[in-house]
PDB file of N, CA and C in Angstrom:
ATOM      1  N   MET A   1       0.843  -1.179   0.000  1.00  0.00           N
ATOM      2  CA  MET A   1       0.000   0.000   0.000  1.00  0.00           C
ATOM      3  C   MET A   1       0.892   1.249   0.000  1.00  0.00           C
ATOM      4  N   ILE A   2       0.625   2.140  -0.899  1.00  0.00           N
ATOM      5  CA  ILE A   2       1.386   3.381  -0.994  1.00  0.00           C
ATOM      6  C   ILE A   2       0.585   4.485  -0.310  1.00  0.00           C
ATOM      7  N   LEU A   3       1.253   5.200   0.629  1.00  0.00           N
ATOM      8  CA  LEU A   3       0.588   6.275   1.354  1.00  0.00           C
ATOM      9  C   LEU A   3       0.621   7.557   0.537  1.00  0.00           C
ATOM     10  N   LYS A   4      -0.456   8.287   0.633  1.00  0.00           N
ATOM     11  CA  LYS A   4      -0.506   9.581  -0.038  1.00  0.00           C
ATOM     12  C   LYS A   4       0.234  10.607   0.814  1.00  0.00           C
ATOM     13  N   GLU A   5       0.576  11.745   0.207  1.00  0.00           N
ATOM     14  CA  GLU A   5       1.355  12.769   0.912  1.00  0.00           C
ATOM     15  C   GLU A   5       0.622  13.281   2.146  1.00  0.00           C
ATOM     16  N   GLN A   6      -0.684  13.464   2.061  1.00  0.00           N
ATOM     17  CA  GLN A   6      -1.455  13.960   3.207  1.00  0.00           C
ATOM     18  C   GLN A   6      -1.467  12.929   4.335  1.00  0.00           C
ATOM     19  N   GLU A   7      -1.533  11.656   4.015  1.00  0.00           N
ATOM     20  CA  GLU A   7      -1.494  10.608   5.039  1.00  0.00           C
ATOM     21  C   GLU A   7      -0.130  10.579   5.726  1.00  0.00           C
ATOM     22  N   LEU A   8       0.940  10.807   4.967  1.00  0.00           N
ATOM     23  CA  LEU A   8       2.279  10.828   5.550  1.00  0.00           C
ATOM     24  C   LEU A   8       2.441  11.990   6.533  1.00  0.00           C
ATOM     25  N   GLN A   9       1.820  13.128   6.253  1.00  0.00           N
ATOM     26  CA  GLN A   9       1.917  14.282   7.138  1.00  0.00           C
ATOM     27  C   GLN A   9       1.132  14.086   8.422  1.00  0.00           C
ATOM     28  N   ASN A  10       0.157  13.194   8.433  1.00  0.00           N
ATOM     29  CA  ASN A  10      -0.672  12.962   9.619  1.00  0.00           C
ATOM     30  C   ASN A  10      -0.079  11.928  10.572  1.00  0.00           C
ATOM     31  N   ILE A  11       1.016  11.273  10.183  1.00  0.00           N
ATOM     32  CA  ILE A  11       1.635  10.267  11.041  1.00  0.00           C
ATOM     33  C   ILE A  11       2.388  10.971  12.167  1.00  0.00           C
ATOM     34  N   THR A  12       2.132  10.560  13.419  1.00  0.00           N
ATOM     35  CA  THR A  12       2.813  11.144  14.571  1.00  0.00           C
ATOM     36  C   THR A  12       3.373  10.035  15.443  1.00  0.00           C
ATOM     37  N   GLY A  13       4.293  10.433  16.359  1.00  0.00           N
ATOM     38  CA  GLY A  13       4.791   9.476  17.344  1.00  0.00           C
ATOM     39  C   GLY A  13       6.269   9.188  17.185  1.00  0.00           C
ATOM     40  N   GLY A  14       6.821   8.609  18.246  1.00  0.00           N
ATOM     41  CA  GLY A  14       8.197   8.161  18.220  1.00  0.00           C
ATOM     42  C   GLY A  14       9.226   9.158  18.684  1.00  0.00           C
ATOM     43  N   GLY A  15       8.890  10.421  18.777  1.00  0.00           N
ATOM     44  CA  GLY A  15       9.876  11.425  19.147  1.00  0.00           C
ATOM     45  C   GLY A  15       9.786  11.822  20.606  1.00  0.00           C
ATOM     46  N   ILE A  16      10.917  12.251  21.154  1.00  0.00           N
ATOM     47  CA  ILE A  16      10.944  12.768  22.520  1.00  0.00           C
ATOM     48  C   ILE A  16      10.813  14.281  22.429  1.00  0.00           C
ATOM     49  N   SER A  17       9.857  14.832  23.125  1.00  0.00           N
ATOM     50  CA  SER A  17       9.645  16.272  23.042  1.00  0.00           C
ATOM     51  C   SER A  17      10.717  17.011  23.838  1.00  0.00           C
ATOM     52  N   TYR A  18      10.887  18.284  23.522  1.00  0.00           N
ATOM     53  CA  TYR A  18      11.912  19.094  24.176  1.00  0.00           C
ATOM     54  C   TYR A  18      11.589  19.305  25.650  1.00  0.00           C
ATOM     55  N   SER A  19      10.312  19.311  25.996  1.00  0.00           N
ATOM     56  CA  SER A  19       9.963  19.508  27.407  1.00  0.00           C
ATOM     57  C   SER A  19      10.415  18.319  28.253  1.00  0.00           C
ATOM     58  N   ILE A  20      10.295  17.121  27.731  1.00  0.00           N
ATOM     59  CA  ILE A  20      10.743  15.931  28.470  1.00  0.00           C
ATOM     60  C   ILE A  20      12.261  15.973  28.632  1.00  0.00           C
ATOM     61  N   LEU A  21      12.966  16.358  27.590  1.00  0.00           N
ATOM     62  CA  LEU A  21      14.425  16.471  27.686  1.00  0.00           C
ATOM     63  C   LEU A  21      14.824  17.543  28.699  1.00  0.00           C
ATOM     64  N   GLY A  22      14.082  18.646  28.735  1.00  0.00           N
ATOM     65  CA  GLY A  22      14.364  19.709  29.693  1.00  0.00           C
ATOM     66  C   GLY A  22      14.142  19.260  31.125  1.00  0.00           C
ATOM     67  N   ILE A  23      13.069  18.514  31.354  1.00  0.00           N
ATOM     68  CA  ILE A  23      12.778  18.011  32.707  1.00  0.00           C
ATOM     69  C   ILE A  23      13.858  17.029  33.146  1.00  0.00           C
ATOM     70  N   ILE A  24      14.245  16.129  32.265  1.00  0.00           N
ATOM     71  CA  ILE A  24      15.299  15.167  32.603  1.00  0.00           C
ATOM     72  C   ILE A  24      16.613  15.898  32.890  1.00  0.00           C
ATOM     73  N   GLY A  25      16.934  16.915  32.097  1.00  0.00           N
ATOM     74  CA  GLY A  25      18.142  17.693  32.325  1.00  0.00           C
ATOM     75  C   GLY A  25      18.108  18.436  33.655  1.00  0.00           C
ATOM     76  N   ALA A  26      16.945  19.016  33.993  1.00  0.00           N
ATOM     77  CA  ALA A  26      16.817  19.739  35.257  1.00  0.00           C
ATOM     78  C   ALA A  26      16.973  18.803  36.447  1.00  0.00           C
ATOM     79  N   ILE A  27      16.406  17.615  36.348  1.00  0.00           N
ATOM     80  CA  ILE A  27      16.549  16.629  37.427  1.00  0.00           C
ATOM     81  C   ILE A  27      18.015  16.221  37.564  1.00  0.00           C
ATOM     82  N   GLY A  28      18.698  16.041  36.446  1.00  0.00           N
ATOM     83  CA  GLY A  28      20.114  15.684  36.485  1.00  0.00           C
ATOM     84  C   GLY A  28      20.966  16.759  37.132  1.00  0.00           C
ATOM     85  N   VAL A  29      20.700  18.022  36.810  1.00  0.00           N
ATOM     86  CA  VAL A  29      21.450  19.124  37.401  1.00  0.00           C
ATOM     87  C   VAL A  29      21.163  19.219  38.897  1.00  0.00           C
ATOM     88  N   PHE A  30      19.912  19.021  39.299  1.00  0.00           N
ATOM     89  CA  PHE A  30      19.555  19.065  40.713  1.00  0.00           C
ATOM     90  C   PHE A  30      20.269  17.968  41.499  1.00  0.00           C
ATOM     91  N   ILE A  31      20.269  16.758  40.959  1.00  0.00           N
ATOM     92  CA  ILE A  31      20.937  15.639  41.637  1.00  0.00           C
ATOM     93  C   ILE A  31      22.445  15.889  41.716  1.00  0.00           C
ATOM     94  N   ALA A  32      23.036  16.434  40.652  1.00  0.00           N
ATOM     95  CA  ALA A  32      24.464  16.755  40.675  1.00  0.00           C
ATOM     96  C   ALA A  32      24.762  17.797  41.752  1.00  0.00           C
ATOM     97  N   GLY A  33      23.882  18.782  41.925  1.00  0.00           N
ATOM     98  CA  GLY A  33      24.067  19.791  42.964  1.00  0.00           C
ATOM     99  C   GLY A  33      23.958  19.221  44.357  1.00  0.00           C
ATOM    100  N   VAL A  34      23.022  18.310  44.572  1.00  0.00           N
ATOM    101  CA  VAL A  34      22.873  17.675  45.888  1.00  0.00           C
ATOM    102  C   VAL A  34      24.100  16.841  46.214  1.00  0.00           C
ATOM    103  N   VAL A  35      24.567  16.057  45.257  1.00  0.00           N
ATOM    104  CA  VAL A  35      25.758  15.227  45.477  1.00  0.00           C
ATOM    105  C   VAL A  35      26.973  16.108  45.735  1.00  0.00           C
ATOM    106  N   ASP A  36      27.116  17.195  44.989  1.00  0.00           N
ATOM    107  CA  ASP A  36      28.233  18.123  45.190  1.00  0.00           C
ATOM    108  C   ASP A  36      28.157  18.756  46.578  1.00  0.00           C
ATOM    109  N   GLY A  37      26.964  19.097  47.035  1.00  0.00           N
ATOM    110  CA  GLY A  37      26.805  19.679  48.373  1.00  0.00           C
ATOM    111  C   GLY A  37      27.122  18.698  49.483  1.00  0.00           C
ATOM    112  N   ILE A  38      26.844  17.435  49.261  1.00  0.00           N
ATOM    113  CA  ILE A  38      27.144  16.428  50.290  1.00  0.00           C
ATOM    114  C   ILE A  38      28.647  16.140  50.334  1.00  0.00           C
ATOM    115  N   LEU A  39      29.265  16.023  49.180  1.00  0.00           N
ATOM    116  CA  LEU A  39      30.685  15.667  49.119  1.00  0.00           C
ATOM    117  C   LEU A  39      31.604  16.843  49.407  1.00  0.00           C
ATOM    118  N   ARG A  40      31.168  18.065  49.133  1.00  0.00           N
ATOM    119  CA  ARG A  40      32.025  19.239  49.262  1.00  0.00           C
ATOM    120  C   ARG A  40      31.226  20.385  49.905  1.00  0.00           C
ATOM    121  N   PRO A  41      30.883  20.254  51.192  1.00  0.00           N
ATOM    122  CA  PRO A  41      30.070  21.317  51.821  1.00  0.00           C
ATOM    123  C   PRO A  41      30.866  22.610  51.977  1.00  0.00           C
ATOM    124  N   LEU A  42      30.272  23.709  51.582  1.00  0.00           N
ATOM    125  CA  LEU A  42      30.892  25.022  51.679  1.00  0.00           C
ATOM    126  C   LEU A  42      30.001  25.932  52.527  1.00  0.00           C
ATOM    127  N   LYS A  43      30.628  26.817  53.308  1.00  0.00           N
ATOM    128  CA  LYS A  43      29.866  27.760  54.131  1.00  0.00           C
ATOM    129  C   LYS A  43      29.299  28.860  53.247  1.00  0.00           C
ATOM    130  N   CYS A  44      28.159  29.388  53.641  1.00  0.00           N
ATOM    131  CA  CYS A  44      27.580  30.526  52.953  1.00  0.00           C
ATOM    132  C   CYS A  44      28.299  31.794  53.376  1.00  0.00           C
ATOM    133  N   ASN A  45      28.565  32.675  52.439  1.00  0.00           N
ATOM    134  CA  ASN A  45      29.244  33.933  52.742  1.00  0.00           C
ATOM    135  C   ASN A  45      28.234  35.049  52.880  1.00  0.00           C
TER     136      ASN A  45
END
């Protein structure tokens, strides 16, 4: 079966959205900050 051009444009799925990547990145940065604070505690100035 050959798909028409309009049918090809209506196909969705399979991609990771930028918001999910941003959330994963933010969680990674937060965890890195917590680990850094535990391993290398610094006084507030």
